[in-house]
Amino acid sequence: MRTAAMLLGVIGGLFAMMIGFFSYGYTELASSHAAFADTFGAVDNAQLIRTASFLAPLLAIAGGAMAISRALWGGVLLLIAAGLIYYAFGFGVFTMFPIGFCATAGGLAIAAGKPDEPRAHF
């Protein structure tokens, strides 16, 4: 289960990264060119989109990478990434797979049968 969580988390993070590149670029283009924003529509909360474009893929890939050694922490990061993608971008044709992959990976990582080994944090 931990390996599946790792793979789904990293793949979901890579898909989220593609959405993040496009969304961040769209907000930059819309803010710098008024004609583009008038034609294609302006973004209501550009700062949220920019923050989520950076943080969601980062959390998903980090959570997927942590899923094998620290399943609980990785699962929480993956669920936060899925929630952030849903909150910032909504559920649509381009976001359904990153949300689904991250949420499934987070659930698998948290439900991993063997608990994490007790280790010192530092």
PDB file of N, CA and C in Angstrom:
ATOM      1  N   MET A   1       0.816  -1.201   0.000  1.00  0.00           N
ATOM      2  CA  MET A   1       0.000   0.000   0.000  1.00  0.00           C
ATOM      3  C   MET A   1       0.856   1.259   0.000  1.00  0.00           C
ATOM      4  N   ARG A   2       1.978   1.178   0.675  1.00  0.00           N
ATOM      5  CA  ARG A   2       2.849   2.357   0.715  1.00  0.00           C
ATOM      6  C   ARG A   2       3.459   2.647  -0.654  1.00  0.00           C
ATOM      7  N   THR A   3       3.790   1.607  -1.381  1.00  0.00           N
ATOM      8  CA  THR A   3       4.356   1.804  -2.715  1.00  0.00           C
ATOM      9  C   THR A   3       3.309   2.380  -3.655  1.00  0.00           C
ATOM     10  N   ALA A   4       2.086   1.890  -3.557  1.00  0.00           N
ATOM     11  CA  ALA A   4       1.009   2.445  -4.378  1.00  0.00           C
ATOM     12  C   ALA A   4       0.762   3.902  -4.021  1.00  0.00           C
ATOM     13  N   ALA A   5       0.814   4.226  -2.738  1.00  0.00           N
ATOM     14  CA  ALA A   5       0.646   5.617  -2.313  1.00  0.00           C
ATOM     15  C   ALA A   5       1.759   6.489  -2.862  1.00  0.00           C
ATOM     16  N   MET A   6       2.985   5.956  -2.868  1.00  0.00           N
ATOM     17  CA  MET A   6       4.098   6.731  -3.403  1.00  0.00           C
ATOM     18  C   MET A   6       3.909   7.004  -4.894  1.00  0.00           C
ATOM     19  N   LEU A   7       3.579   5.968  -5.649  1.00  0.00           N
ATOM     20  CA  LEU A   7       3.417   6.142  -7.089  1.00  0.00           C
ATOM     21  C   LEU A   7       2.260   7.072  -7.427  1.00  0.00           C
ATOM     22  N   LEU A   8       1.119   6.865  -6.793  1.00  0.00           N
ATOM     23  CA  LEU A   8      -0.031   7.733  -7.071  1.00  0.00           C
ATOM     24  C   LEU A   8       0.235   9.173  -6.649  1.00  0.00           C
ATOM     25  N   GLY A   9       0.925   9.354  -5.532  1.00  0.00           N
ATOM     26  CA  GLY A   9       1.228  10.700  -5.067  1.00  0.00           C
ATOM     27  C   GLY A   9       2.169  11.442  -5.999  1.00  0.00           C
ATOM     28  N   VAL A  10       3.193  10.777  -6.466  1.00  0.00           N
ATOM     29  CA  VAL A  10       4.146  11.427  -7.368  1.00  0.00           C
ATOM     30  C   VAL A  10       3.488  11.715  -8.721  1.00  0.00           C
ATOM     31  N   ILE A  11       2.703  10.771  -9.241  1.00  0.00           N
ATOM     32  CA  ILE A  11       2.017  11.000 -10.513  1.00  0.00           C
ATOM     33  C   ILE A  11       0.995  12.129 -10.367  1.00  0.00           C
ATOM     34  N   GLY A  12       0.237  12.125  -9.285  1.00  0.00           N
ATOM     35  CA  GLY A  12      -0.711  13.216  -9.041  1.00  0.00           C
ATOM     36  C   GLY A  12      -0.012  14.554  -8.895  1.00  0.00           C
ATOM     37  N   GLY A  13       1.153  14.566  -8.257  1.00  0.00           N
ATOM     38  CA  GLY A  13       1.928  15.792  -8.132  1.00  0.00           C
ATOM     39  C   GLY A  13       2.450  16.297  -9.462  1.00  0.00           C
ATOM     40  N   LEU A  14       2.833  15.384 -10.340  1.00  0.00           N
ATOM     41  CA  LEU A  14       3.303  15.805 -11.664  1.00  0.00           C
ATOM     42  C   LEU A  14       2.162  16.375 -12.503  1.00  0.00           C
ATOM     43  N   PHE A  15       0.987  15.752 -12.425  1.00  0.00           N
ATOM     44  CA  PHE A  15      -0.182  16.324 -13.111  1.00  0.00           C
ATOM     45  C   PHE A  15      -0.543  17.683 -12.524  1.00  0.00           C
ATOM     46  N   ALA A  16      -0.483  17.805 -11.203  1.00  0.00           N
ATOM     47  CA  ALA A  16      -0.775  19.083 -10.554  1.00  0.00           C
ATOM     48  C   ALA A  16       0.254  20.141 -10.943  1.00  0.00           C
ATOM     49  N   MET A  17       1.481  19.713 -11.204  1.00  0.00           N
ATOM     50  CA  MET A  17       2.506  20.663 -11.628  1.00  0.00           C
ATOM     51  C   MET A  17       2.184  21.236 -13.010  1.00  0.00           C
ATOM     52  N   MET A  18       1.674  20.395 -13.889  1.00  0.00           N
ATOM     53  CA  MET A  18       1.281  20.904 -15.209  1.00  0.00           C
ATOM     54  C   MET A  18       0.135  21.903 -15.086  1.00  0.00           C
ATOM     55  N   ILE A  19      -0.835  21.615 -14.246  1.00  0.00           N
ATOM     56  CA  ILE A  19      -1.935  22.551 -14.015  1.00  0.00           C
ATOM     57  C   ILE A  19      -1.399  23.830 -13.384  1.00  0.00           C
ATOM     58  N   GLY A  20      -0.444  23.692 -12.469  1.00  0.00           N
ATOM     59  CA  GLY A  20       0.145  24.857 -11.820  1.00  0.00           C
ATOM     60  C   GLY A  20       0.895  25.754 -12.774  1.00  0.00           C
ATOM     61  N   PHE A  21       1.666  25.159 -13.696  1.00  0.00           N
ATOM     62  CA  PHE A  21       2.375  25.974 -14.693  1.00  0.00           C
ATOM     63  C   PHE A  21       1.400  26.786 -15.531  1.00  0.00           C
ATOM     64  N   PHE A  22       0.359  26.134 -16.013  1.00  0.00           N
ATOM     65  CA  PHE A  22      -0.617  26.828 -16.841  1.00  0.00           C
ATOM     66  C   PHE A  22      -1.353  27.905 -16.048  1.00  0.00           C
ATOM     67  N   SER A  23      -1.793  27.572 -14.845  1.00  0.00           N
ATOM     68  CA  SER A  23      -2.578  28.519 -14.049  1.00  0.00           C
ATOM     69  C   SER A  23      -1.756  29.728 -13.622  1.00  0.00           C
ATOM     70  N   TYR A  24      -0.527  29.502 -13.202  1.00  0.00           N
ATOM     71  CA  TYR A  24       0.325  30.617 -12.808  1.00  0.00           C
ATOM     72  C   TYR A  24       0.594  31.525 -14.008  1.00  0.00           C
ATOM     73  N   GLY A  25       0.892  30.923 -15.139  1.00  0.00           N
ATOM     74  CA  GLY A  25       1.126  31.715 -16.349  1.00  0.00           C
ATOM     75  C   GLY A  25      -0.106  32.488 -16.778  1.00  0.00           C
ATOM     76  N   TYR A  26      -1.276  31.874 -16.632  1.00  0.00           N
ATOM     77  CA  TYR A  26      -2.515  32.558 -16.997  1.00  0.00           C
ATOM     78  C   TYR A  26      -2.748  33.776 -16.111  1.00  0.00           C
ATOM     79  N   THR A  27      -2.516  33.636 -14.801  1.00  0.00           N
ATOM     80  CA  THR A  27      -2.718  34.782 -13.904  1.00  0.00           C
ATOM     81  C   THR A  27      -1.715  35.896 -14.189  1.00  0.00           C
ATOM     82  N   GLU A  28      -0.476  35.532 -14.515  1.00  0.00           N
ATOM     83  CA  GLU A  28       0.525  36.550 -14.857  1.00  0.00           C
ATOM     84  C   GLU A  28       0.155  37.275 -16.142  1.00  0.00           C
ATOM     85  N   LEU A  29      -0.283  36.526 -17.135  1.00  0.00           N
ATOM     86  CA  LEU A  29      -0.657  37.131 -18.410  1.00  0.00           C
ATOM     87  C   LEU A  29      -1.893  38.019 -18.256  1.00  0.00           C
ATOM     88  N   ALA A  30      -2.870  37.553 -17.484  1.00  0.00           N
ATOM     89  CA  ALA A  30      -4.095  38.338 -17.285  1.00  0.00           C
ATOM     90  C   ALA A  30      -3.825  39.611 -16.479  1.00  0.00           C
ATOM     91  N   SER A  31      -2.861  39.555 -15.556  1.00  0.00           N
ATOM     92  CA  SER A  31      -2.585  40.759 -14.768  1.00  0.00           C
ATOM     93  C   SER A  31      -1.736  41.776 -15.523  1.00  0.00           C
ATOM     94  N   SER A  32      -0.937  41.315 -16.469  1.00  0.00           N
ATOM     95  CA  SER A  32      -0.067  42.247 -17.176  1.00  0.00           C
ATOM     96  C   SER A  32      -0.667  42.792 -18.472  1.00  0.00           C
ATOM     97  N   HIS A  33      -1.644  42.100 -19.033  1.00  0.00           N
ATOM     98  CA  HIS A  33      -2.266  42.539 -20.280  1.00  0.00           C
ATOM     99  C   HIS A  33      -3.780  42.621 -20.105  1.00  0.00           C
ATOM    100  N   ALA A  34      -4.283  43.838 -20.049  1.00  0.00           N
ATOM    101  CA  ALA A  34      -5.709  44.046 -19.826  1.00  0.00           C
ATOM    102  C   ALA A  34      -6.555  43.502 -20.975  1.00  0.00           C
ATOM    103  N   ALA A  35      -6.051  43.562 -22.181  1.00  0.00           N
ATOM    104  CA  ALA A  35      -6.805  43.054 -23.331  1.00  0.00           C
ATOM    105  C   ALA A  35      -6.996  41.543 -23.232  1.00  0.00           C
ATOM    106  N   PHE A  36      -5.973  40.844 -22.736  1.00  0.00           N
ATOM    107  CA  PHE A  36      -6.091  39.395 -22.551  1.00  0.00           C
ATOM    108  C   PHE A  36      -7.138  39.074 -21.488  1.00  0.00           C
ATOM    109  N   ALA A  37      -7.120  39.833 -20.392  1.00  0.00           N
ATOM    110  CA  ALA A  37      -8.090  39.613 -19.318  1.00  0.00           C
ATOM    111  C   ALA A  37      -9.502  39.933 -19.781  1.00  0.00           C
ATOM    112  N   ASP A  38      -9.663  40.950 -20.610  1.00  0.00           N
ATOM    113  CA  ASP A  38     -10.990  41.280 -21.134  1.00  0.00           C
ATOM    114  C   ASP A  38     -11.500  40.211 -22.083  1.00  0.00           C
ATOM    115  N   THR A  39     -10.607  39.655 -22.869  1.00  0.00           N
ATOM    116  CA  THR A  39     -11.015  38.657 -23.857  1.00  0.00           C
ATOM    117  C   THR A  39     -11.289  37.298 -23.221  1.00  0.00           C
ATOM    118  N   PHE A  40     -10.376  36.813 -22.394  1.00  0.00           N
ATOM    119  CA  PHE A  40     -10.478  35.455 -21.868  1.00  0.00           C
ATOM    120  C   PHE A  40     -10.971  35.390 -20.431  1.00  0.00           C
ATOM    121  N   GLY A  41     -11.077  36.506 -19.768  1.00  0.00           N
ATOM    122  CA  GLY A  41     -11.590  36.543 -18.402  1.00  0.00           C
ATOM    123  C   GLY A  41     -10.483  36.731 -17.383  1.00  0.00           C
ATOM    124  N   ALA A  42     -10.785  37.525 -16.402  1.00  0.00           N
ATOM    125  CA  ALA A  42      -9.831  37.780 -15.331  1.00  0.00           C
ATOM    126  C   ALA A  42     -10.048  36.764 -14.209  1.00  0.00           C
ATOM    127  N   VAL A  43      -9.046  36.613 -13.377  1.00  0.00           N
ATOM    128  CA  VAL A  43      -9.109  35.692 -12.248  1.00  0.00           C
ATOM    129  C   VAL A  43      -9.517  36.482 -11.013  1.00  0.00           C
ATOM    130  N   ASP A  44     -10.460  35.940 -10.244  1.00  0.00           N
ATOM    131  CA  ASP A  44     -10.937  36.653  -9.057  1.00  0.00           C
ATOM    132  C   ASP A  44      -9.866  36.736  -7.971  1.00  0.00           C
ATOM    133  N   ASN A  45      -9.241  35.624  -7.655  1.00  0.00           N
ATOM    134  CA  ASN A  45      -8.250  35.605  -6.588  1.00  0.00           C
ATOM    135  C   ASN A  45      -6.938  35.033  -7.150  1.00  0.00           C
ATOM    136  N   ALA A  46      -6.162  35.887  -7.773  1.00  0.00           N
ATOM    137  CA  ALA A  46      -4.929  35.446  -8.426  1.00  0.00           C
ATOM    138  C   ALA A  46      -3.900  34.950  -7.422  1.00  0.00           C
ATOM    139  N   GLN A  47      -3.870  35.542  -6.234  1.00  0.00           N
ATOM    140  CA  GLN A  47      -2.885  35.122  -5.236  1.00  0.00           C
ATOM    141  C   GLN A  47      -3.149  33.696  -4.766  1.00  0.00           C
ATOM    142  N   LEU A  48      -4.414  33.320  -4.621  1.00  0.00           N
ATOM    143  CA  LEU A  48      -4.752  31.945  -4.257  1.00  0.00           C
ATOM    144  C   LEU A  48      -4.309  30.971  -5.344  1.00  0.00           C
ATOM    145  N   ILE A  49      -4.553  31.322  -6.592  1.00  0.00           N
ATOM    146  CA  ILE A  49      -4.173  30.456  -7.705  1.00  0.00           C
ATOM    147  C   ILE A  49      -2.655  30.307  -7.767  1.00  0.00           C
ATOM    148  N   ARG A  50      -1.940  31.380  -7.584  1.00  0.00           N
ATOM    149  CA  ARG A  50      -0.479  31.320  -7.633  1.00  0.00           C
ATOM    150  C   ARG A  50       0.092  30.508  -6.475  1.00  0.00           C
ATOM    151  N   THR A  51      -0.457  30.703  -5.288  1.00  0.00           N
ATOM    152  CA  THR A  51       0.013  29.941  -4.133  1.00  0.00           C
ATOM    153  C   THR A  51      -0.285  28.461  -4.289  1.00  0.00           C
ATOM    154  N   ALA A  52      -1.494  28.138  -4.721  1.00  0.00           N
ATOM    155  CA  ALA A  52      -1.860  26.740  -4.912  1.00  0.00           C
ATOM    156  C   ALA A  52      -1.079  26.111  -6.058  1.00  0.00           C
ATOM    157  N   SER A  53      -0.754  26.886  -7.076  1.00  0.00           N
ATOM    158  CA  SER A  53       0.029  26.364  -8.193  1.00  0.00           C
ATOM    159  C   SER A  53       1.420  25.936  -7.754  1.00  0.00           C
ATOM    160  N   PHE A  54       1.944  26.582  -6.725  1.00  0.00           N
ATOM    161  CA  PHE A  54       3.248  26.210  -6.211  1.00  0.00           C
ATOM    162  C   PHE A  54       3.159  25.143  -5.122  1.00  0.00           C
ATOM    163  N   LEU A  55       2.260  25.332  -4.165  1.00  0.00           N
ATOM    164  CA  LEU A  55       2.232  24.459  -2.995  1.00  0.00           C
ATOM    165  C   LEU A  55       1.623  23.083  -3.252  1.00  0.00           C
ATOM    166  N   ALA A  56       0.567  22.998  -4.033  1.00  0.00           N
ATOM    167  CA  ALA A  56      -0.112  21.715  -4.218  1.00  0.00           C
ATOM    168  C   ALA A  56       0.802  20.653  -4.845  1.00  0.00           C
ATOM    169  N   PRO A  57       1.502  20.942  -5.953  1.00  0.00           N
ATOM    170  CA  PRO A  57       2.409  19.914  -6.473  1.00  0.00           C
ATOM    171  C   PRO A  57       3.556  19.590  -5.521  1.00  0.00           C
ATOM    172  N   LEU A  58       4.034  20.611  -4.823  1.00  0.00           N
ATOM    173  CA  LEU A  58       5.121  20.396  -3.870  1.00  0.00           C
ATOM    174  C   LEU A  58       4.683  19.456  -2.752  1.00  0.00           C
ATOM    175  N   LEU A  59       3.494  19.695  -2.186  1.00  0.00           N
ATOM    176  CA  LEU A  59       2.984  18.837  -1.120  1.00  0.00           C
ATOM    177  C   LEU A  59       2.702  17.430  -1.622  1.00  0.00           C
ATOM    178  N   ALA A  60       2.175  17.316  -2.839  1.00  0.00           N
ATOM    179  CA  ALA A  60       1.846  15.996  -3.380  1.00  0.00           C
ATOM    180  C   ALA A  60       3.107  15.166  -3.633  1.00  0.00           C
ATOM    181  N   ILE A  61       4.107  15.761  -4.233  1.00  0.00           N
ATOM    182  CA  ILE A  61       5.332  15.018  -4.520  1.00  0.00           C
ATOM    183  C   ILE A  61       6.078  14.688  -3.229  1.00  0.00           C
ATOM    184  N   ALA A  62       6.129  15.631  -2.299  1.00  0.00           N
ATOM    185  CA  ALA A  62       6.780  15.368  -1.016  1.00  0.00           C
ATOM    186  C   ALA A  62       6.017  14.304  -0.228  1.00  0.00           C
ATOM    187  N   GLY A  63       4.693  14.375  -0.242  1.00  0.00           N
ATOM    188  CA  GLY A  63       3.892  13.359   0.446  1.00  0.00           C
ATOM    189  C   GLY A  63       4.054  11.990  -0.173  1.00  0.00           C
ATOM    190  N   GLY A  64       4.111  11.930  -1.499  1.00  0.00           N
ATOM    191  CA  GLY A  64       4.338  10.654  -2.159  1.00  0.00           C
ATOM    192  C   GLY A  64       5.716  10.094  -1.850  1.00  0.00           C
ATOM    193  N   ALA A  65       6.709  10.954  -1.801  1.00  0.00           N
ATOM    194  CA  ALA A  65       8.060  10.494  -1.485  1.00  0.00           C
ATOM    195  C   ALA A  65       8.164  10.022  -0.039  1.00  0.00           C
ATOM    196  N   MET A  66       7.379  10.611   0.856  1.00  0.00           N
ATOM    197  CA  MET A  66       7.412  10.236   2.265  1.00  0.00           C
ATOM    198  C   MET A  66       6.538   9.029   2.573  1.00  0.00           C
ATOM    199  N   ALA A  67       5.721   8.593   1.640  1.00  0.00           N
ATOM    200  CA  ALA A  67       4.723   7.562   1.921  1.00  0.00           C
ATOM    201  C   ALA A  67       5.338   6.234   2.340  1.00  0.00           C
ATOM    202  N   ILE A  68       6.517   5.923   1.877  1.00  0.00           N
ATOM    203  CA  ILE A  68       7.120   4.636   2.233  1.00  0.00           C
ATOM    204  C   ILE A  68       7.712   4.678   3.638  1.00  0.00           C
ATOM    205  N   SER A  69       8.437   5.722   3.962  1.00  0.00           N
ATOM    206  CA  SER A  69       9.106   5.756   5.259  1.00  0.00           C
ATOM    207  C   SER A  69       8.234   6.357   6.359  1.00  0.00           C
ATOM    208  N   ARG A  70       7.484   7.371   6.069  1.00  0.00           N
ATOM    209  CA  ARG A  70       6.593   8.027   7.038  1.00  0.00           C
ATOM    210  C   ARG A  70       5.203   8.115   6.435  1.00  0.00           C
ATOM    211  N   ALA A  71       4.449   7.037   6.522  1.00  0.00           N
ATOM    212  CA  ALA A  71       3.168   6.948   5.828  1.00  0.00           C
ATOM    213  C   ALA A  71       2.152   7.952   6.361  1.00  0.00           C
ATOM    214  N   LEU A  72       2.088   8.158   7.653  1.00  0.00           N
ATOM    215  CA  LEU A  72       1.097   9.076   8.214  1.00  0.00           C
ATOM    216  C   LEU A  72       1.363  10.503   7.757  1.00  0.00           C
ATOM    217  N   TRP A  73       2.591  10.959   7.855  1.00  0.00           N
ATOM    218  CA  TRP A  73       2.926  12.320   7.427  1.00  0.00           C
ATOM    219  C   TRP A  73       2.706  12.489   5.932  1.00  0.00           C
ATOM    220  N   GLY A  74       3.146  11.507   5.159  1.00  0.00           N
ATOM    221  CA  GLY A  74       2.948  11.572   3.715  1.00  0.00           C
ATOM    222  C   GLY A  74       1.482  11.584   3.340  1.00  0.00           C
ATOM    223  N   GLY A  75       0.682  10.772   4.029  1.00  0.00           N
ATOM    224  CA  GLY A  75      -0.756  10.742   3.757  1.00  0.00           C
ATOM    225  C   GLY A  75      -1.438  12.058   4.070  1.00  0.00           C
ATOM    226  N   VAL A  76      -1.055  12.676   5.154  1.00  0.00           N
ATOM    227  CA  VAL A  76      -1.638  13.980   5.506  1.00  0.00           C
ATOM    228  C   VAL A  76      -1.253  15.032   4.464  1.00  0.00           C
ATOM    229  N   LEU A  77       0.001  15.038   4.032  1.00  0.00           N
ATOM    230  CA  LEU A  77       0.422  15.989   3.002  1.00  0.00           C
ATOM    231  C   LEU A  77      -0.335  15.764   1.693  1.00  0.00           C
ATOM    232  N   LEU A  78      -0.547  14.500   1.336  1.00  0.00           N
ATOM    233  CA  LEU A  78      -1.275  14.189   0.108  1.00  0.00           C
ATOM    234  C   LEU A  78      -2.732  14.631   0.197  1.00  0.00           C
ATOM    235  N   LEU A  79      -3.360  14.444   1.333  1.00  0.00           N
ATOM    236  CA  LEU A  79      -4.747  14.886   1.487  1.00  0.00           C
ATOM    237  C   LEU A  79      -4.853  16.410   1.486  1.00  0.00           C
ATOM    238  N   ILE A  80      -3.875  17.081   2.065  1.00  0.00           N
ATOM    239  CA  ILE A  80      -3.863  18.547   2.020  1.00  0.00           C
ATOM    240  C   ILE A  80      -3.690  19.014   0.575  1.00  0.00           C
ATOM    241  N   ALA A  81      -2.822  18.348  -0.179  1.00  0.00           N
ATOM    242  CA  ALA A  81      -2.619  18.713  -1.584  1.00  0.00           C
ATOM    243  C   ALA A  81      -3.901  18.516  -2.389  1.00  0.00           C
ATOM    244  N   ALA A  82      -4.596  17.401  -2.166  1.00  0.00           N
ATOM    245  CA  ALA A  82      -5.851  17.157  -2.879  1.00  0.00           C
ATOM    246  C   ALA A  82      -6.889  18.218  -2.535  1.00  0.00           C
ATOM    247  N   GLY A  83      -6.990  18.579  -1.264  1.00  0.00           N
ATOM    248  CA  GLY A  83      -7.929  19.615  -0.855  1.00  0.00           C
ATOM    249  C   GLY A  83      -7.578  20.978  -1.417  1.00  0.00           C
ATOM    250  N   LEU A  84      -6.300  21.278  -1.479  1.00  0.00           N
ATOM    251  CA  LEU A  84      -5.857  22.564  -2.025  1.00  0.00           C
ATOM    252  C   LEU A  84      -6.135  22.661  -3.521  1.00  0.00           C
ATOM    253  N   ILE A  85      -5.914  21.575  -4.242  1.00  0.00           N
ATOM    254  CA  ILE A  85      -6.228  21.571  -5.672  1.00  0.00           C
ATOM    255  C   ILE A  85      -7.721  21.770  -5.881  1.00  0.00           C
ATOM    256  N   TYR A  86      -8.530  21.082  -5.080  1.00  0.00           N
ATOM    257  CA  TYR A  86      -9.977  21.213  -5.220  1.00  0.00           C
ATOM    258  C   TYR A  86     -10.442  22.623  -4.857  1.00  0.00           C
ATOM    259  N   TYR A  87      -9.891  23.184  -3.789  1.00  0.00           N
ATOM    260  CA  TYR A  87     -10.310  24.513  -3.344  1.00  0.00           C
ATOM    261  C   TYR A  87      -9.903  25.599  -4.334  1.00  0.00           C
ATOM    262  N   ALA A  88      -8.695  25.508  -4.861  1.00  0.00           N
ATOM    263  CA  ALA A  88      -8.188  26.569  -5.740  1.00  0.00           C
ATOM    264  C   ALA A  88      -8.700  26.444  -7.165  1.00  0.00           C
ATOM    265  N   PHE A  89      -8.750  25.220  -7.690  1.00  0.00           N
ATOM    266  CA  PHE A  89      -9.058  25.041  -9.109  1.00  0.00           C
ATOM    267  C   PHE A  89     -10.421  24.416  -9.364  1.00  0.00           C
ATOM    268  N   GLY A  90     -11.056  23.869  -8.352  1.00  0.00           N
ATOM    269  CA  GLY A  90     -12.341  23.211  -8.540  1.00  0.00           C
ATOM    270  C   GLY A  90     -12.166  21.816  -9.125  1.00  0.00           C
ATOM    271  N   PHE A  91     -13.288  21.151  -9.351  1.00  0.00           N
ATOM    272  CA  PHE A  91     -13.259  19.808  -9.926  1.00  0.00           C
ATOM    273  C   PHE A  91     -13.678  19.903 -11.372  1.00  0.00           C
ATOM    274  N   GLY A  92     -12.772  19.580 -12.273  1.00  0.00           N
ATOM    275  CA  GLY A  92     -13.055  19.661 -13.703  1.00  0.00           C
ATOM    276  C   GLY A  92     -12.300  18.590 -14.451  1.00  0.00           C
ATOM    277  N   VAL A  93     -12.330  18.710 -15.748  1.00  0.00           N
ATOM    278  CA  VAL A  93     -11.736  17.687 -16.598  1.00  0.00           C
ATOM    279  C   VAL A  93     -10.217  17.605 -16.421  1.00  0.00           C
ATOM    280  N   PHE A  94      -9.554  18.700 -16.112  1.00  0.00           N
ATOM    281  CA  PHE A  94      -8.105  18.689 -15.950  1.00  0.00           C
ATOM    282  C   PHE A  94      -7.668  18.447 -14.511  1.00  0.00           C
ATOM    283  N   THR A  95      -8.558  18.653 -13.560  1.00  0.00           N
ATOM    284  CA  THR A  95      -8.173  18.493 -12.159  1.00  0.00           C
ATOM    285  C   THR A  95      -8.671  17.199 -11.536  1.00  0.00           C
ATOM    286  N   MET A  96      -9.512  16.458 -12.219  1.00  0.00           N
ATOM    287  CA  MET A  96     -10.069  15.264 -11.579  1.00  0.00           C
ATOM    288  C   MET A  96      -9.003  14.200 -11.319  1.00  0.00           C
ATOM    289  N   PHE A  97      -8.042  14.040 -12.193  1.00  0.00           N
ATOM    290  CA  PHE A  97      -7.019  13.027 -11.955  1.00  0.00           C
ATOM    291  C   PHE A  97      -6.024  13.427 -10.868  1.00  0.00           C
ATOM    292  N   PRO A  98      -5.514  14.655 -10.844  1.00  0.00           N
ATOM    293  CA  PRO A  98      -4.644  15.002  -9.712  1.00  0.00           C
ATOM    294  C   PRO A  98      -5.368  14.915  -8.360  1.00  0.00           C
ATOM    295  N   ILE A  99      -6.618  15.361  -8.313  1.00  0.00           N
ATOM    296  CA  ILE A  99      -7.359  15.265  -7.058  1.00  0.00           C
ATOM    297  C   ILE A  99      -7.569  13.803  -6.681  1.00  0.00           C
ATOM    298  N   GLY A 100      -7.985  13.006  -7.637  1.00  0.00           N
ATOM    299  CA  GLY A 100      -8.227  11.596  -7.365  1.00  0.00           C
ATOM    300  C   GLY A 100      -6.965  10.842  -6.980  1.00  0.00           C
ATOM    301  N   PHE A 101      -5.873  11.090  -7.694  1.00  0.00           N
ATOM    302  CA  PHE A 101      -4.626  10.401  -7.374  1.00  0.00           C
ATOM    303  C   PHE A 101      -4.118  10.795  -5.996  1.00  0.00           C
ATOM    304  N   CYS A 102      -4.146  12.086  -5.681  1.00  0.00           N
ATOM    305  CA  CYS A 102      -3.635  12.543  -4.381  1.00  0.00           C
ATOM    306  C   CYS A 102      -4.521  12.068  -3.233  1.00  0.00           C
ATOM    307  N   ALA A 103      -5.833  12.109  -3.423  1.00  0.00           N
ATOM    308  CA  ALA A 103      -6.736  11.661  -2.357  1.00  0.00           C
ATOM    309  C   ALA A 103      -6.620  10.159  -2.142  1.00  0.00           C
ATOM    310  N   THR A 104      -6.539   9.396  -3.214  1.00  0.00           N
ATOM    311  CA  THR A 104      -6.386   7.947  -3.084  1.00  0.00           C
ATOM    312  C   THR A 104      -5.046   7.599  -2.446  1.00  0.00           C
ATOM    313  N   ALA A 105      -3.995   8.274  -2.871  1.00  0.00           N
ATOM    314  CA  ALA A 105      -2.676   8.025  -2.284  1.00  0.00           C
ATOM    315  C   ALA A 105      -2.657   8.397  -0.807  1.00  0.00           C
ATOM    316  N   GLY A 106      -3.301   9.503  -0.446  1.00  0.00           N
ATOM    317  CA  GLY A 106      -3.366   9.884   0.965  1.00  0.00           C
ATOM    318  C   GLY A 106      -4.127   8.865   1.789  1.00  0.00           C
ATOM    319  N   GLY A 107      -5.225   8.373   1.257  1.00  0.00           N
ATOM    320  CA  GLY A 107      -5.984   7.343   1.972  1.00  0.00           C
ATOM    321  C   GLY A 107      -5.204   6.054   2.116  1.00  0.00           C
ATOM    322  N   LEU A 108      -4.514   5.649   1.063  1.00  0.00           N
ATOM    323  CA  LEU A 108      -3.702   4.428   1.134  1.00  0.00           C
ATOM    324  C   LEU A 108      -2.553   4.580   2.121  1.00  0.00           C
ATOM    325  N   ALA A 109      -1.929   5.746   2.118  1.00  0.00           N
ATOM    326  CA  ALA A 109      -0.801   5.950   3.030  1.00  0.00           C
ATOM    327  C   ALA A 109      -1.260   5.946   4.483  1.00  0.00           C
ATOM    328  N   ILE A 110      -2.397   6.556   4.759  1.00  0.00           N
ATOM    329  CA  ILE A 110      -2.886   6.589   6.136  1.00  0.00           C
ATOM    330  C   ILE A 110      -3.363   5.208   6.567  1.00  0.00           C
ATOM    331  N   ALA A 111      -3.948   4.463   5.630  1.00  0.00           N
ATOM    332  CA  ALA A 111      -4.473   3.142   5.967  1.00  0.00           C
ATOM    333  C   ALA A 111      -3.429   2.037   5.882  1.00  0.00           C
ATOM    334  N   ALA A 112      -2.173   2.379   5.680  1.00  0.00           N
ATOM    335  CA  ALA A 112      -1.129   1.356   5.600  1.00  0.00           C
ATOM    336  C   ALA A 112      -1.142   0.521   6.879  1.00  0.00           C
ATOM    337  N   GLY A 113      -1.112  -0.785   6.716  1.00  0.00           N
ATOM    338  CA  GLY A 113      -1.302  -1.694   7.849  1.00  0.00           C
ATOM    339  C   GLY A 113      -0.248  -1.597   8.922  1.00  0.00           C
ATOM    340  N   LYS A 114       1.012  -1.526   8.538  1.00  0.00           N
ATOM    341  CA  LYS A 114       2.086  -1.496   9.521  1.00  0.00           C
ATOM    342  C   LYS A 114       2.308  -0.057   9.985  1.00  0.00           C
ATOM    343  N   PRO A 115       2.286   0.197  11.280  1.00  0.00           N
ATOM    344  CA  PRO A 115       2.530   1.580  11.731  1.00  0.00           C
ATOM    345  C   PRO A 115       3.982   1.981  11.510  1.00  0.00           C
ATOM    346  N   ASP A 116       4.189   3.273  11.499  1.00  0.00           N
ATOM    347  CA  ASP A 116       5.545   3.797  11.341  1.00  0.00           C
ATOM    348  C   ASP A 116       6.409   3.368  12.516  1.00  0.00           C
ATOM    349  N   GLU A 117       7.676   3.198  12.230  1.00  0.00           N
ATOM    350  CA  GLU A 117       8.614   2.834  13.289  1.00  0.00           C
ATOM    351  C   GLU A 117       8.892   4.055  14.151  1.00  0.00           C
ATOM    352  N   PRO A 118       8.958   3.877  15.468  1.00  0.00           N
ATOM    353  CA  PRO A 118       9.269   5.044  16.299  1.00  0.00           C
ATOM    354  C   PRO A 118      10.720   5.473  16.107  1.00  0.00           C
ATOM    355  N   ARG A 119      10.907   6.701  15.722  1.00  0.00           N
ATOM    356  CA  ARG A 119      12.247   7.266  15.509  1.00  0.00           C
ATOM    357  C   ARG A 119      12.285   8.667  16.081  1.00  0.00           C
ATOM    358  N   ALA A 120      13.485   9.087  16.387  1.00  0.00           N
ATOM    359  CA  ALA A 120      13.668  10.469  16.813  1.00  0.00           C
ATOM    360  C   ALA A 120      13.514  11.378  15.603  1.00  0.00           C
ATOM    361  N   HIS A 121      13.009  12.558  15.810  1.00  0.00           N
ATOM    362  CA  HIS A 121      12.802  13.485  14.714  1.00  0.00           C
ATOM    363  C   HIS A 121      14.087  14.154  14.248  1.00  0.00           C
ATOM    364  N   PHE A 122      15.087  14.218  15.104  1.00  0.00           N
ATOM    365  CA  PHE A 122      16.311  14.919  14.747  1.00  0.00           C
ATOM    366  C   PHE A 122      17.496  13.995  14.882  1.00  0.00           C
TER     367      PHE A 122
END
